Amino acid sequence: MPDVLAFDTSTEQLSIAVRRGEHVWTHEGAGGAQSSATLIPLIQQLLAEAGLALAQLDAIAFGRGPGSFTGLRTACAVAQGLALGSGVPLLPVDTLLAVAEEARHAFGAQRTVALLDARMEEIYAARYDFEAHGPLGESAAGGEGPLLMAPESLAMPPGWALAGNAFAAYGERLPAAAARHAVLPTAAALLRLAPALLAAGRTVPAAQAWPLYVRDKVAQTTEERAAIKAAAAHHNTPPATA
């Protein structure tokens, strides 16, 4: 198995994991605005626990979106800085794919419509079929989604499951017949996806590691700009910008 660092800051949860051989170290905690201040020290802590130097990694996987604009920028800025400083390739992973993988791993869901709360009365959604398309759940065309839509607009294929974090906000507005799995995109899911992503040649250099916003409104607030600059300055690399 490849040695991989993975992290996701796209939701209210901060999730980090490191794999060395067959062993995995994880951290789950509060995310949100504080992620930009805590992500780097926690990464350093997990790498130390695993006995790995950054340059020894085969890849750095991170949740590229969709999700919280601030969280996506933080993840991309930190990933860029780590990659520029170490030469380790980056694996940007769709957060909805990580949601589907978490549902597959935890509940055995092979055909999943992954959802994330997009706020503003909308959801992000994408379909993944692990049974038909293998370990990434994608068709030859790259899967269906991610899309931004009203909850009522979601179409469900018969027999598929819903998975994600949108049930508390929009549960009554989503299709009622489908099984529902409340899961988040986790770093552990990114680790499980990493071997197939590496085999598919999905690594990118730091300059091409950009957020996947889906929604067009991505203007940075003063607070967001400060958080990203702080994360990037820690590694002496220019911050990711929209």
Protein backbone atom coordinates (compact mmCIF):
# COMPACT_ATOMS: atom_id res chain seq x y z
CA MET A 1 0.00 0.00 0.00
CA PRO A 2 1.26 3.52 -0.75
CA ASP A 3 2.28 5.79 2.12
CA VAL A 4 -0.20 8.67 1.99
CA LEU A 5 -1.15 11.76 3.98
CA ALA A 6 -4.82 12.71 3.55
CA PHE A 7 -6.93 15.55 4.89
CA ASP A 8 -10.35 17.11 4.35
CA THR A 9 -11.61 20.49 5.61
CA SER A 10 -14.63 20.83 3.31
CA THR A 11 -17.28 20.46 6.06
CA GLU A 12 -17.71 21.26 9.74
CA GLN A 13 -15.35 18.35 10.50
CA LEU A 14 -11.57 18.46 10.22
CA SER A 15 -10.31 15.02 9.19
CA ILE A 16 -6.68 13.92 8.82
CA ALA A 17 -5.14 10.48 8.26
CA VAL A 18 -1.73 9.00 7.52
CA ARG A 19 -1.03 5.54 6.15
CA ARG A 20 2.34 3.87 6.51
CA GLY A 21 2.25 0.38 5.06
CA GLU A 22 -0.68 -1.43 6.65
CA HIS A 23 -0.99 0.99 9.60
CA VAL A 24 -3.23 4.07 9.71
CA TRP A 25 -3.26 7.04 12.10
CA THR A 26 -6.31 9.34 12.14
CA HIS A 27 -7.57 12.53 13.71
CA GLU A 28 -11.14 13.87 13.62
CA GLY A 29 -12.02 17.21 15.17
CA ALA A 30 -13.85 20.49 14.81
CA GLY A 31 -13.32 22.17 11.47
CA GLY A 32 -14.66 25.45 10.19
CA ALA A 33 -12.64 28.65 10.45
CA GLN A 34 -10.16 27.19 12.94
CA SER A 35 -8.91 24.60 10.42
CA SER A 36 -6.37 27.03 8.96
CA ALA A 37 -4.72 27.34 12.37
CA THR A 38 -4.84 23.69 13.45
CA LEU A 39 -4.38 21.71 10.23
CA ILE A 40 -0.62 22.05 9.86
CA PRO A 41 0.32 21.24 13.48
CA LEU A 42 -2.00 18.21 13.45
CA ILE A 43 -0.46 16.96 10.20
CA GLN A 44 2.98 17.27 11.74
CA GLN A 45 1.78 15.39 14.83
CA LEU A 46 0.32 12.48 12.84
CA LEU A 47 3.41 12.20 10.64
CA ALA A 48 5.56 12.06 13.77
CA GLU A 49 3.35 9.34 15.27
CA ALA A 50 3.69 7.36 12.05
CA GLY A 51 7.45 7.88 11.95
CA LEU A 52 7.27 9.40 8.48
CA ALA A 53 9.00 12.43 7.04
CA LEU A 54 6.94 14.42 4.57
CA ALA A 55 9.31 13.63 1.71
CA GLN A 56 8.86 9.89 2.31
CA LEU A 57 5.20 10.01 1.29
CA ASP A 58 4.02 8.60 -2.03
CA ALA A 59 1.20 11.17 -2.25
CA ILE A 60 -0.75 13.85 -0.40
CA ALA A 61 -4.52 13.47 -0.87
CA PHE A 62 -6.92 16.28 -0.02
CA GLY A 63 -10.62 17.01 -0.42
CA ARG A 64 -10.86 19.53 -3.26
CA GLY A 65 -14.59 20.18 -3.04
CA PRO A 66 -17.33 20.98 -3.35
CA GLY A 67 -17.90 22.24 0.18
CA SER A 68 -17.13 25.21 2.41
CA PHE A 69 -15.32 27.83 0.34
CA THR A 70 -13.03 28.70 3.26
CA GLY A 71 -12.31 25.05 3.98
CA LEU A 72 -11.50 24.27 0.35
CA ARG A 73 -9.09 27.17 0.10
CA THR A 74 -7.39 26.13 3.30
CA ALA A 75 -6.95 22.54 2.13
CA CYS A 76 -5.59 23.61 -1.26
CA ALA A 77 -3.20 26.19 0.20
CA VAL A 78 -1.79 23.71 2.71
CA ALA A 79 -1.55 20.94 0.09
CA GLN A 80 0.28 23.28 -2.29
CA GLY A 81 2.71 24.35 0.40
CA LEU A 82 3.46 20.79 1.48
CA ALA A 83 3.96 19.65 -2.11
CA LEU A 84 6.24 22.54 -3.03
CA GLY A 85 8.35 21.95 0.05
CA SER A 86 8.66 18.18 -0.35
CA GLY A 87 8.21 17.32 -4.02
CA VAL A 88 5.43 14.86 -3.12
CA PRO A 89 2.65 14.62 -5.75
CA LEU A 90 -0.88 15.75 -4.89
CA LEU A 91 -4.12 13.80 -5.21
CA PRO A 92 -7.10 16.18 -5.35
CA VAL A 93 -10.22 14.13 -4.49
CA ASP A 94 -13.84 15.12 -5.04
CA THR A 95 -15.50 15.38 -1.63
CA LEU A 96 -18.66 13.72 -2.95
CA LEU A 97 -16.60 10.71 -4.04
CA ALA A 98 -15.25 10.55 -0.48
CA VAL A 99 -18.85 10.65 0.83
CA ALA A 100 -19.82 7.75 -1.44
CA GLU A 101 -16.73 5.78 -0.39
CA GLU A 102 -17.54 6.32 3.29
CA ALA A 103 -21.08 5.02 2.69
CA ARG A 104 -19.70 2.02 0.83
CA HIS A 105 -17.21 1.24 3.58
CA ALA A 106 -19.56 1.80 6.54
CA PHE A 107 -22.85 0.53 5.13
CA GLY A 108 -22.02 -1.56 2.06
CA ALA A 109 -23.71 0.95 -0.28
CA GLN A 110 -22.53 0.16 -3.82
CA ARG A 111 -24.76 2.64 -5.68
CA THR A 112 -24.94 6.01 -3.99
CA VAL A 113 -26.12 9.53 -4.64
CA ALA A 114 -23.70 11.53 -2.50
CA LEU A 115 -24.99 14.81 -1.05
CA LEU A 116 -23.47 17.75 0.79
CA ASP A 117 -25.31 20.74 2.19
CA ALA A 118 -24.47 23.69 -0.07
CA ARG A 119 -26.37 26.19 2.12
CA MET A 120 -28.61 28.79 0.45
CA GLU A 121 -31.38 26.14 0.15
CA GLU A 122 -29.29 23.98 -2.21
CA ILE A 123 -27.30 20.74 -2.22
CA TYR A 124 -24.26 19.41 -4.03
CA ALA A 125 -24.95 15.98 -5.54
CA ALA A 126 -23.20 13.30 -7.60
CA ARG A 127 -23.83 9.63 -8.45
CA TYR A 128 -21.28 6.86 -7.88
CA ASP A 129 -21.72 3.23 -8.84
CA PHE A 130 -18.95 1.06 -7.37
CA GLU A 131 -20.67 -2.12 -8.53
CA ALA A 132 -20.61 -1.16 -12.20
CA HIS A 133 -17.55 1.05 -12.42
CA GLY A 134 -15.02 -0.23 -9.90
CA PRO A 135 -13.15 1.30 -6.94
CA LEU A 136 -13.76 4.92 -7.92
CA GLY A 137 -17.45 4.47 -8.74
CA GLU A 138 -17.04 6.44 -11.96
CA SER A 139 -18.16 5.77 -15.52
CA ALA A 140 -15.75 6.19 -18.41
CA ALA A 141 -17.02 9.75 -18.73
CA GLY A 142 -15.98 10.52 -15.16
CA GLY A 143 -19.25 9.96 -13.33
CA GLU A 144 -22.36 12.13 -13.11
CA GLY A 145 -21.86 15.32 -11.15
CA PRO A 146 -21.10 17.13 -9.04
CA LEU A 147 -24.19 19.26 -9.52
CA LEU A 148 -25.73 22.14 -7.57
CA MET A 149 -29.50 21.95 -7.19
CA ALA A 150 -32.54 22.39 -5.00
CA PRO A 151 -33.24 19.29 -2.86
CA GLU A 152 -36.60 18.78 -4.60
CA SER A 153 -34.85 18.52 -7.98
CA LEU A 154 -32.84 15.44 -7.05
CA ALA A 155 -33.71 12.39 -9.15
CA MET A 156 -33.07 8.99 -7.55
CA PRO A 157 -32.48 5.79 -9.55
CA PRO A 158 -34.44 2.86 -8.03
CA GLY A 159 -32.46 0.94 -5.43
CA TRP A 160 -29.80 3.58 -4.88
CA ALA A 161 -28.91 5.03 -1.47
CA LEU A 162 -28.51 8.63 -0.33
CA ALA A 163 -25.41 9.54 1.67
CA GLY A 164 -24.04 12.77 3.11
CA ASN A 165 -24.79 15.55 5.56
CA ALA A 166 -27.88 17.16 4.00
CA PHE A 167 -30.59 15.21 5.87
CA ALA A 168 -30.93 17.45 8.91
CA ALA A 169 -31.46 20.55 6.78
CA TYR A 170 -33.40 19.10 3.84
CA GLY A 171 -34.59 15.65 4.87
CA GLU A 172 -38.27 16.20 4.05
CA ARG A 173 -37.39 17.72 0.70
CA LEU A 174 -35.30 14.77 -0.49
CA PRO A 175 -36.61 11.53 -2.08
CA ALA A 176 -38.29 9.52 0.65
CA ALA A 177 -37.92 5.97 -0.68
CA ALA A 178 -34.13 5.75 -0.65
CA ALA A 179 -31.96 4.41 2.16
CA ARG A 180 -30.14 7.24 3.95
CA HIS A 181 -26.61 7.16 5.37
CA ALA A 182 -25.41 10.15 7.38
CA VAL A 183 -21.69 10.33 6.58
CA LEU A 184 -19.04 12.97 5.93
CA PRO A 185 -16.05 12.99 3.57
CA THR A 186 -13.25 11.64 5.77
CA ALA A 187 -9.50 11.41 5.41
CA ALA A 188 -9.79 7.66 5.94
CA ALA A 189 -12.01 7.50 2.85
CA LEU A 190 -9.35 9.42 0.92
CA LEU A 191 -6.76 6.86 2.00
CA ARG A 192 -8.93 4.00 0.74
CA LEU A 193 -9.41 5.79 -2.59
CA ALA A 194 -5.74 6.70 -3.00
CA PRO A 195 -4.45 3.44 -4.54
CA ALA A 196 -7.03 3.54 -7.34
CA LEU A 197 -6.47 7.26 -7.88
CA LEU A 198 -2.72 6.72 -8.13
CA ALA A 199 -3.23 3.84 -10.55
CA ALA A 200 -5.49 6.09 -12.66
CA GLY A 201 -2.79 8.77 -12.87
CA ARG A 202 -4.78 11.42 -10.97
CA THR A 203 -1.81 13.15 -9.30
CA VAL A 204 -1.16 16.80 -10.14
CA PRO A 205 1.66 19.26 -9.44
CA ALA A 206 1.11 21.93 -6.81
CA ALA A 207 0.29 24.61 -9.39
CA GLN A 208 -2.70 22.58 -10.61
CA ALA A 209 -4.21 21.82 -7.20
CA TRP A 210 -7.32 24.00 -7.25
CA PRO A 211 -10.62 23.89 -5.37
CA LEU A 212 -13.74 22.48 -7.04
CA TYR A 213 -16.36 25.05 -6.08
CA VAL A 214 -19.34 24.14 -8.36
CA ARG A 215 -21.18 27.25 -7.15
CA ASP A 216 -20.09 30.39 -8.99
CA LYS A 217 -20.17 32.74 -6.00
CA VAL A 218 -16.66 32.36 -4.60
CA ALA A 219 -15.59 35.86 -3.59
CA GLN A 220 -13.26 35.79 -0.60
CA THR A 221 -14.10 37.65 2.57
CA THR A 222 -11.39 39.46 4.54
CA GLU A 223 -11.42 36.61 7.10
CA GLU A 224 -11.04 33.97 4.38
CA ARG A 225 -8.14 35.79 2.73
CA ALA A 226 -6.36 36.09 6.08
CA ALA A 227 -6.81 32.38 6.84
CA ILE A 228 -5.43 31.26 3.48
CA LYS A 229 -2.48 33.67 3.61
CA ALA A 230 -1.59 32.38 7.08
CA ALA A 231 -1.64 28.77 5.91
CA ALA A 232 0.37 29.52 2.79
CA ALA A 233 2.92 31.72 4.60
CA HIS A 234 3.73 28.83 6.92
CA HIS A 235 5.19 27.05 3.90
CA ASN A 236 6.48 30.10 1.99
CA THR A 237 4.20 29.45 -0.97
CA PRO A 238 1.66 31.71 -2.70
CA PRO A 239 -1.92 31.09 -1.49
CA ALA A 240 -4.53 29.46 -3.70
CA THR A 241 -6.92 32.02 -5.17
CA ALA A 242 -10.32 31.73 -6.73
